Amino acid sequence: MYRSSRMGEPGPPAPAGHVPVLLDRVAELLAPPLARPGAVLVDATLGLAGHSAALLTAHPQAVLVGLDRDQQALRISAERLAGFAGRTHLVHAVYDQLPRVLAELDLDRIDAALFDLGVSSMQLDRPERGFSYAQDAPLDMRMDAEDPLTAEEVVNSYPVPQLARVLRDYGEERFALRIAQAIGRRRAEHRLTSTAELAELVRQAIPAATRRTGGHPAKRTFQALRIEVNAELAAVQAAIPAALQALTVGGRIVVLAYHSLEDRIVKRSFAELATDRTPPDLPVALAAAGPQIRLLNRGAEPATEAEIAANPRAASVRMRAAERIREAA
């Protein structure tokens, strides 16, 4: 489903409290390719369009392809971007569908790509979406309300070993089996439907000494369920290579990840194209085997203390950026 910005003045500002993570640094990194006439920017995780609005304002000739699986976010971002008439294509899609979206828009190459991974500010701030353990709500956690799988279905229908695997693999939860077993006992009594009940159940399942450190005891469980419900890691694994493949020479990609599972996928995808593939027994490097991209930062770049003070949600961000330096052989 496509939504284009409407004619008129720039749309409303983002909802109060929404501060795009690392906005200035993202703008700095993407500025060179976006300065080209008719540059194409892909915001693969449009959200409330904070990054995109700033980039479209700074680069009046740039065109935006904005993707989001959350139709509520698309409606808000369409209003916000209404003033950029004729320069936006807003698409209801998961970012691993990028090749299809570009093909439907007759775009062979893009100049810049931005991924701001994970749950959005809007999803966290709206209790009824069920992403937060801080407020009681239905166990939903779907980024796209049309998707069939909910967190309620996961916690009530997955066998205990499978549920433990989800919590361990996607939440990196040390006490995954204990939590899964506690859920199994509770759902034998009644169906789990409440975020508050689940959060308290997790708290009770974790040893008392552990509860006193590391933030809310349910944090990892809720992360794991969200990733499972939305198949997030599989989407990242497909989307990052696709975006790199679509970049024109001189084009750049910036990825903001918020936990090690996402960042590990991004790191591997970048390393695959940043490595010289010349056979080690050859005396000189082969141009056709050389790196296709160059990394724009060393390792994963964190937010500065000033950024975190202004926007606490930046505390866990890991940013990686790269530039395409040659076409694939």
Protein backbone atom coordinates (compact mmCIF):
# COMPACT_ATOMS: atom_id res chain seq x y z
CA MET A 1 0.00 0.00 0.00
CA TYR A 2 1.46 3.32 -1.09
CA ARG A 3 0.89 6.70 0.50
CA SER A 4 2.32 9.88 -1.00
CA SER A 5 2.65 13.21 0.77
CA ARG A 6 -0.07 15.77 0.10
CA MET A 7 0.28 19.28 -1.26
CA GLY A 8 0.54 22.08 1.26
CA GLU A 9 2.72 23.41 4.02
CA PRO A 10 5.07 21.17 6.02
CA GLY A 11 3.09 18.81 8.23
CA PRO A 12 2.77 18.87 11.97
CA PRO A 13 5.76 18.29 14.19
CA ALA A 14 6.36 14.90 15.73
CA PRO A 15 4.44 14.11 18.89
CA ALA A 16 5.82 15.67 22.04
CA GLY A 17 8.76 13.75 23.44
CA HIS A 18 9.82 12.22 20.13
CA VAL A 19 13.51 12.92 19.57
CA PRO A 20 15.18 11.08 16.66
CA VAL A 21 18.23 9.17 17.85
CA LEU A 22 21.62 10.54 16.67
CA LEU A 23 19.88 12.94 14.28
CA ASP A 24 22.85 15.28 13.76
CA ARG A 25 25.31 12.43 13.24
CA VAL A 26 22.98 10.64 10.81
CA ALA A 27 22.52 13.88 8.87
CA GLU A 28 26.29 14.39 8.73
CA LEU A 29 26.97 10.88 7.44
CA LEU A 30 24.26 10.94 4.76
CA ALA A 31 24.86 14.51 3.58
CA PRO A 32 27.39 13.75 0.77
CA PRO A 33 25.20 11.40 -1.30
CA LEU A 34 22.02 13.37 -0.56
CA ALA A 35 23.59 16.50 -2.02
CA ARG A 36 23.31 14.96 -5.49
CA PRO A 37 20.46 16.24 -7.69
CA GLY A 38 17.50 13.87 -7.43
CA ALA A 39 19.16 11.73 -4.75
CA VAL A 40 17.02 8.85 -3.49
CA LEU A 41 16.87 8.27 0.26
CA VAL A 42 15.39 5.07 1.66
CA ASP A 43 14.20 5.35 5.24
CA ALA A 44 13.53 1.68 5.85
CA THR A 45 12.03 2.27 9.31
CA LEU A 46 10.11 5.49 8.82
CA GLY A 47 8.39 5.59 12.21
CA LEU A 48 7.34 9.15 13.02
CA ALA A 49 9.57 10.51 10.21
CA GLY A 50 11.87 12.50 12.47
CA HIS A 51 15.03 11.61 10.57
CA SER A 52 13.34 11.85 7.16
CA ALA A 53 11.77 15.26 7.78
CA ALA A 54 15.15 16.70 8.76
CA LEU A 55 16.93 15.13 5.77
CA LEU A 56 14.30 16.28 3.26
CA THR A 57 14.50 19.80 4.69
CA ALA A 58 18.30 19.84 4.46
CA HIS A 59 18.32 18.43 0.90
CA PRO A 60 15.56 20.06 -1.19
CA GLN A 61 16.24 17.92 -4.25
CA ALA A 62 16.19 14.57 -2.47
CA VAL A 63 13.37 12.05 -2.88
CA LEU A 64 12.25 9.80 -0.02
CA VAL A 65 11.14 6.18 -0.12
CA GLY A 66 9.81 5.56 3.38
CA LEU A 67 8.88 2.07 4.57
CA ASP A 68 7.05 1.05 7.71
CA ARG A 69 5.08 -2.03 8.69
CA ASP A 70 3.06 0.00 11.20
CA GLN A 71 0.08 1.63 9.47
CA GLN A 72 -0.53 3.93 12.43
CA ALA A 73 3.02 5.27 12.07
CA LEU A 74 2.50 5.71 8.32
CA ARG A 75 -0.60 7.84 8.89
CA ILE A 76 1.26 10.11 11.30
CA SER A 77 4.35 10.39 9.10
CA ALA A 78 2.20 11.14 6.03
CA GLU A 79 0.78 14.16 7.86
CA ARG A 80 4.18 15.26 9.02
CA LEU A 81 5.69 15.02 5.54
CA ALA A 82 2.74 16.60 3.75
CA GLY A 83 4.72 19.68 2.80
CA PHE A 84 7.27 17.75 0.76
CA ALA A 85 4.89 17.42 -2.16
CA GLY A 86 5.99 15.10 -4.95
CA ARG A 87 9.13 14.01 -3.09
CA THR A 88 7.87 11.13 -0.98
CA HIS A 89 6.72 7.57 -1.52
CA LEU A 90 5.46 6.10 1.75
CA VAL A 91 4.98 2.35 1.65
CA HIS A 92 3.33 -0.14 3.99
CA ALA A 93 6.03 -2.81 3.97
CA VAL A 94 8.59 -4.57 6.11
CA TYR A 95 12.12 -3.51 5.23
CA ASP A 96 13.08 -6.94 3.91
CA GLN A 97 10.64 -6.18 1.07
CA LEU A 98 12.90 -3.35 -0.13
CA PRO A 99 13.81 -4.98 -3.49
CA ARG A 100 10.12 -5.32 -4.37
CA VAL A 101 9.35 -1.75 -3.31
CA LEU A 102 12.21 -0.34 -5.40
CA ALA A 103 11.17 -2.42 -8.42
CA GLU A 104 7.59 -1.16 -8.18
CA LEU A 105 8.92 2.41 -8.12
CA ASP A 106 11.23 1.70 -11.11
CA LEU A 107 14.30 2.52 -9.03
CA ASP A 108 17.48 0.60 -9.87
CA ARG A 109 19.78 2.35 -7.41
CA ILE A 110 19.53 4.45 -4.27
CA ASP A 111 21.88 7.06 -2.86
CA ALA A 112 21.29 6.68 0.87
CA ALA A 113 19.66 4.22 3.25
CA LEU A 114 18.74 4.56 6.90
CA PHE A 115 17.66 1.80 9.28
CA ASP A 116 16.56 2.69 12.82
CA LEU A 117 15.91 -0.81 14.06
CA GLY A 118 13.78 -2.16 16.89
CA VAL A 119 10.63 -0.84 18.49
CA SER A 120 9.69 2.78 17.77
CA SER A 121 8.99 5.54 20.27
CA MET A 122 5.34 5.60 19.27
CA GLN A 123 4.94 1.86 19.85
CA LEU A 124 6.55 2.08 23.28
CA ASP A 125 4.61 5.16 24.30
CA ARG A 126 1.18 3.73 23.46
CA PRO A 127 0.34 1.20 26.19
CA GLU A 128 -2.44 -0.43 24.18
CA ARG A 129 0.16 -1.79 21.75
CA GLY A 130 1.47 -4.09 24.49
CA PHE A 131 5.19 -3.46 23.95
CA SER A 132 5.90 -2.03 27.40
CA TYR A 133 6.21 -3.91 30.69
CA ALA A 134 5.74 -0.64 32.59
CA GLN A 135 1.97 -0.37 31.99
CA ASP A 136 -0.80 -2.94 31.84
CA ALA A 137 -2.13 -3.72 28.36
CA PRO A 138 -3.13 -6.66 26.17
CA LEU A 139 -0.26 -8.96 25.19
CA ASP A 140 -0.04 -7.85 21.56
CA MET A 141 3.40 -6.52 20.43
CA ARG A 142 2.58 -6.58 16.71
CA MET A 143 4.23 -3.83 14.70
CA ASP A 144 1.66 -4.47 11.98
CA ALA A 145 -1.83 -4.90 13.42
CA GLU A 146 -2.75 -7.05 10.40
CA ASP A 147 -0.22 -9.77 11.30
CA PRO A 148 -1.80 -12.89 12.84
CA LEU A 149 0.78 -13.74 15.53
CA THR A 150 0.59 -11.90 18.88
CA ALA A 151 2.60 -12.15 22.07
CA GLU A 152 -0.48 -13.62 23.72
CA GLU A 153 -0.48 -16.46 21.22
CA VAL A 154 3.25 -17.09 21.77
CA VAL A 155 3.09 -17.29 25.56
CA ASN A 156 -0.06 -19.40 25.59
CA SER A 157 0.59 -21.85 22.74
CA TYR A 158 4.34 -22.41 22.38
CA PRO A 159 5.58 -25.58 24.11
CA VAL A 160 7.75 -24.73 27.13
CA PRO A 161 11.05 -25.80 25.45
CA GLN A 162 10.26 -23.68 22.37
CA LEU A 163 9.30 -20.72 24.54
CA ALA A 164 12.55 -21.09 26.50
CA ARG A 165 14.50 -21.08 23.23
CA VAL A 166 12.82 -17.83 22.17
CA LEU A 167 13.66 -16.18 25.48
CA ARG A 168 17.24 -17.45 25.40
CA ASP A 169 18.02 -16.76 21.73
CA TYR A 170 16.19 -13.46 21.28
CA GLY A 171 16.34 -12.04 24.80
CA GLU A 172 19.71 -13.47 25.84
CA GLU A 173 17.90 -14.35 29.06
CA ARG A 174 19.94 -16.47 31.51
CA PHE A 175 16.82 -17.74 33.24
CA ALA A 176 14.91 -18.57 30.06
CA LEU A 177 13.90 -22.09 31.13
CA ARG A 178 12.78 -20.98 34.60
CA ILE A 179 10.64 -18.22 33.08
CA ALA A 180 9.18 -20.53 30.43
CA GLN A 181 8.32 -23.12 33.07
CA ALA A 182 6.64 -20.46 35.23
CA ILE A 183 4.59 -19.36 32.21
CA GLY A 184 3.66 -22.98 31.55
CA ARG A 185 2.37 -23.42 35.11
CA ARG A 186 0.39 -20.18 35.04
CA ARG A 187 -1.25 -20.79 31.68
CA ALA A 188 -2.39 -24.20 32.93
CA GLU A 189 -4.52 -22.21 35.40
CA HIS A 190 -5.76 -19.54 32.98
CA ARG A 191 -4.83 -17.89 29.71
CA LEU A 192 -2.23 -15.12 29.98
CA THR A 193 -3.52 -11.92 28.37
CA SER A 194 -1.95 -9.06 30.37
CA THR A 195 1.47 -7.42 30.10
CA ALA A 196 1.35 -6.59 33.82
CA GLU A 197 0.68 -10.20 34.81
CA LEU A 198 3.46 -11.45 32.54
CA ALA A 199 5.95 -8.87 33.84
CA GLU A 200 5.19 -9.84 37.46
CA LEU A 201 5.40 -13.54 36.62
CA VAL A 202 8.84 -13.01 35.10
CA ARG A 203 9.94 -10.99 38.12
CA GLN A 204 8.94 -13.80 40.46
CA ALA A 205 10.66 -16.44 38.33
CA ILE A 206 14.04 -14.72 38.47
CA PRO A 207 16.22 -15.15 41.60
CA ALA A 208 15.83 -12.29 44.07
CA ALA A 209 19.51 -11.34 43.94
CA THR A 210 19.34 -10.90 40.16
CA ARG A 211 16.25 -8.70 40.32
CA ARG A 212 18.19 -5.95 42.08
CA THR A 213 20.49 -5.24 39.12
CA GLY A 214 20.27 -4.84 35.36
CA GLY A 215 17.02 -2.93 35.02
CA HIS A 216 13.51 -4.36 34.95
CA PRO A 217 13.53 -8.18 35.25
CA ALA A 218 11.08 -8.53 32.35
CA LYS A 219 13.08 -6.43 29.89
CA ARG A 220 14.73 -9.36 28.11
CA THR A 221 11.55 -11.44 28.01
CA PHE A 222 9.57 -8.62 26.40
CA GLN A 223 12.38 -8.02 23.88
CA ALA A 224 12.42 -11.70 22.96
CA LEU A 225 8.66 -11.91 22.51
CA ARG A 226 8.62 -8.77 20.37
CA ILE A 227 11.36 -10.13 18.12
CA GLU A 228 9.55 -13.46 17.76
CA VAL A 229 6.16 -11.88 17.02
CA ASN A 230 7.58 -9.59 14.34
CA ALA A 231 10.30 -11.91 12.95
CA GLU A 232 12.67 -8.98 13.32
CA LEU A 233 16.04 -10.72 13.02
CA ALA A 234 15.10 -12.56 9.84
CA ALA A 235 13.98 -9.26 8.33
CA VAL A 236 17.25 -7.55 9.28
CA GLN A 237 19.25 -10.45 7.88
CA ALA A 238 17.57 -10.05 4.49
CA ALA A 239 17.23 -6.27 4.41
CA ILE A 240 20.77 -5.05 5.11
CA PRO A 241 22.41 -6.97 2.21
CA ALA A 242 19.55 -5.85 -0.08
CA ALA A 243 20.09 -2.20 0.84
CA LEU A 244 23.85 -2.51 0.34
CA GLN A 245 23.25 -4.10 -3.05
CA ALA A 246 20.98 -1.21 -4.08
CA LEU A 247 23.46 1.53 -3.17
CA THR A 248 25.06 3.38 -6.05
CA VAL A 249 28.80 4.09 -5.95
CA GLY A 250 29.26 6.88 -3.42
CA GLY A 251 25.98 5.96 -1.76
CA ARG A 252 25.88 5.51 2.00
CA ILE A 253 24.00 3.43 4.55
CA VAL A 254 23.52 4.14 8.25
CA VAL A 255 22.12 1.53 10.65
CA LEU A 256 21.07 2.18 14.24
CA ALA A 257 20.79 -1.01 16.29
CA TYR A 258 19.82 -1.30 19.93
CA HIS A 259 20.92 -4.75 20.99
CA SER A 260 23.74 -7.12 20.16
CA LEU A 261 21.64 -9.51 18.08
CA GLU A 262 20.76 -6.86 15.50
CA ASP A 263 24.21 -5.31 15.59
CA ARG A 264 25.90 -8.66 14.99
CA ILE A 265 23.89 -9.15 11.80
CA VAL A 266 24.75 -5.63 10.59
CA LYS A 267 28.43 -6.14 11.40
CA ARG A 268 28.58 -9.39 9.42
CA SER A 269 26.75 -7.90 6.44
CA PHE A 270 29.14 -4.94 6.31
CA ALA A 271 32.22 -7.13 6.78
CA GLU A 272 31.18 -9.34 3.87
CA LEU A 273 31.47 -6.42 1.42
CA ALA A 274 34.31 -4.55 3.17
CA THR A 275 36.76 -7.46 2.82
CA ASP A 276 39.40 -7.80 0.10
CA ARG A 277 38.80 -11.20 -1.55
CA THR A 278 42.14 -11.33 -3.42
CA PRO A 279 43.65 -14.83 -2.99
CA PRO A 280 46.44 -14.63 -0.39
CA ASP A 281 49.05 -16.16 -2.72
CA LEU A 282 48.77 -13.33 -5.27
CA PRO A 283 51.42 -10.56 -5.02
CA VAL A 284 49.01 -7.72 -5.86
CA ALA A 285 45.38 -7.01 -5.01
CA LEU A 286 42.81 -7.71 -7.72
CA ALA A 287 40.51 -4.79 -8.41
CA ALA A 288 37.57 -7.11 -9.03
CA ALA A 289 38.15 -8.80 -5.66
CA GLY A 290 38.61 -5.62 -3.65
CA PRO A 291 36.20 -4.26 -1.06
CA GLN A 292 32.86 -3.03 -2.36
CA ILE A 293 32.25 -0.75 0.64
CA ARG A 294 34.34 1.20 3.12
CA LEU A 295 33.34 1.53 6.74
CA LEU A 296 32.70 5.09 7.92
CA ASN A 297 33.18 4.45 11.62
CA ARG A 298 35.40 2.13 13.60
CA GLY A 299 33.27 -0.55 15.15
CA ALA A 300 29.84 0.32 16.49
CA GLU A 301 29.60 4.01 17.31
CA PRO A 302 27.73 4.81 20.54
CA ALA A 303 25.83 7.96 21.40
CA THR A 304 27.73 10.72 23.17
CA GLU A 305 27.00 11.59 26.78
CA ALA A 306 25.36 14.81 25.60
CA GLU A 307 23.10 12.87 23.23
CA ILE A 308 22.06 10.45 25.96
CA ALA A 309 21.35 13.31 28.35
CA ALA A 310 19.07 14.92 25.73
CA ASN A 311 17.52 11.61 24.63
CA PRO A 312 17.80 8.69 27.09
CA ARG A 313 16.61 6.23 24.44
CA ALA A 314 19.97 6.70 22.71
CA ALA A 315 21.78 5.01 25.60
CA SER A 316 21.86 1.56 23.98
CA VAL A 317 22.29 2.58 20.34
CA ARG A 318 25.05 1.06 18.22
CA MET A 319 25.53 2.90 14.92
CA ARG A 320 27.36 1.55 11.88
CA ALA A 321 27.79 3.34 8.56
CA ALA A 322 29.36 2.45 5.22
CA GLU A 323 29.85 3.84 1.70
CA ARG A 324 29.82 1.88 -1.53
CA ILE A 325 33.14 2.41 -3.32
CA ARG A 326 32.70 0.12 -6.35
CA GLU A 327 30.10 -1.95 -8.10
CA ALA A 328 30.02 -5.70 -7.62
CA ALA A 329 32.08 -7.56 -10.19
